[in-house]
Every structure is written in C-alpha cells, then in structure tokens.
Protein backbone atom coordinates (compact mmCIF):
# COMPACT_ATOMS: atom_id res chain seq x y z
CA UNK A 1 17.13 -56.25 -42.03
CA UNK A 2 19.26 -59.27 -41.14
CA UNK A 3 19.43 -61.51 -38.09
CA UNK A 4 22.33 -60.30 -35.92
CA UNK A 5 23.49 -63.89 -35.29
CA UNK A 6 23.24 -65.82 -38.58
CA UNK A 7 22.78 -62.83 -40.95
CA UNK A 8 19.73 -64.43 -42.57
CA UNK A 9 17.41 -61.80 -44.12
CA UNK A 10 14.27 -61.07 -42.09
CA UNK A 11 10.94 -60.39 -43.76
CA UNK A 12 9.33 -57.59 -41.79
CA UNK A 13 5.70 -56.59 -42.17
CA UNK A 14 4.93 -53.13 -43.58
CA UNK A 15 4.79 -50.42 -40.91
CA UNK A 16 1.68 -50.34 -38.72
CA UNK A 17 0.06 -53.33 -40.47
CA UNK A 18 0.98 -56.36 -38.39
CA UNK A 19 2.87 -57.28 -35.23
CA UNK A 20 6.61 -57.85 -35.39
CA UNK A 21 7.82 -61.42 -35.88
CA UNK A 22 7.85 -63.52 -32.71
CA UNK A 23 11.65 -63.69 -32.33
CA UNK A 24 12.46 -60.18 -33.58
CA UNK A 25 15.22 -59.04 -34.11
CA UNK A 26 16.34 -62.66 -34.55
CA UNK A 27 15.15 -65.05 -37.23
CA UNK A 28 14.47 -67.95 -34.87
CA UNK A 29 14.39 -69.14 -31.27
CA UNK A 30 17.79 -70.75 -31.90
CA UNK A 31 19.47 -67.44 -32.77
CA UNK A 32 17.72 -65.76 -29.85
CA UNK A 33 19.15 -68.36 -27.44
CA UNK A 34 22.64 -68.11 -28.97
CA UNK A 35 22.58 -64.37 -28.30
CA UNK A 36 21.37 -64.91 -24.71
CA UNK A 37 24.16 -67.43 -24.15
CA UNK A 38 26.74 -64.93 -25.36
CA UNK A 39 25.46 -62.34 -22.88
CA UNK A 40 25.50 -64.86 -20.03
CA UNK A 41 29.04 -66.00 -20.91
CA UNK A 42 30.25 -62.38 -20.80
CA UNK A 43 31.17 -62.24 -24.48
CA UNK A 44 29.34 -58.93 -24.85
CA UNK A 45 30.77 -56.23 -22.62
CA UNK A 46 30.34 -52.51 -22.32
CA UNK A 47 33.76 -50.83 -22.20
CA UNK A 48 34.47 -48.90 -19.02
CA UNK A 49 37.06 -46.15 -18.74
CA UNK A 50 38.58 -45.84 -15.27
CA UNK A 51 39.45 -42.29 -14.21
CA UNK A 52 42.19 -41.45 -11.74
CA UNK A 53 40.41 -39.59 -8.94
CA UNK A 54 43.58 -37.72 -7.96
CA UNK A 55 43.73 -36.07 -11.37
CA UNK A 56 42.49 -32.45 -11.40
CA UNK A 57 40.55 -32.99 -14.64
CA UNK A 58 38.23 -35.50 -12.98
CA UNK A 59 37.86 -33.98 -9.51
CA UNK A 60 34.64 -32.20 -8.69
CA UNK A 61 36.13 -29.17 -6.97
CA UNK A 62 34.43 -25.85 -7.48
CA UNK A 63 36.07 -22.52 -6.90
CA UNK A 64 33.84 -19.74 -5.71
CA UNK A 65 34.95 -16.17 -6.31
C-alpha cells in the first residue's frame, strides 16, 4: 500500500498481529495534515447531480388503480 499523498510505500504489519501505524493510511503526520488541508480548502468534493423537480422521471407521483 502507498501513502495517498506522497505515494511512499507503507510497511503494514501482518494481519491481526499488531496495531496499524499511527498515521495510517498516511506515511507521516505531514501527509495527514496536507490531506486535511485539502479537505478544508474544498479541493475534495463529492459530485452532486441536480434533478429538475418538474420532470416526470423524478417526481414521486403514484397512480393507484
């Protein structure tokens, strides 16, 4: 596995033998803070799709027979 910021390889302990590294999934406190800064600056965003509510495909009308 590699650090998502600097791409440095991470040495992970074998499964169920030791706790994860302190800064996991980052290699260091520095990379962890860079990632936090990117979130706070709005550089990471979840895409949102706006739907037109007047469109019949998105309306929640139910027809009872």
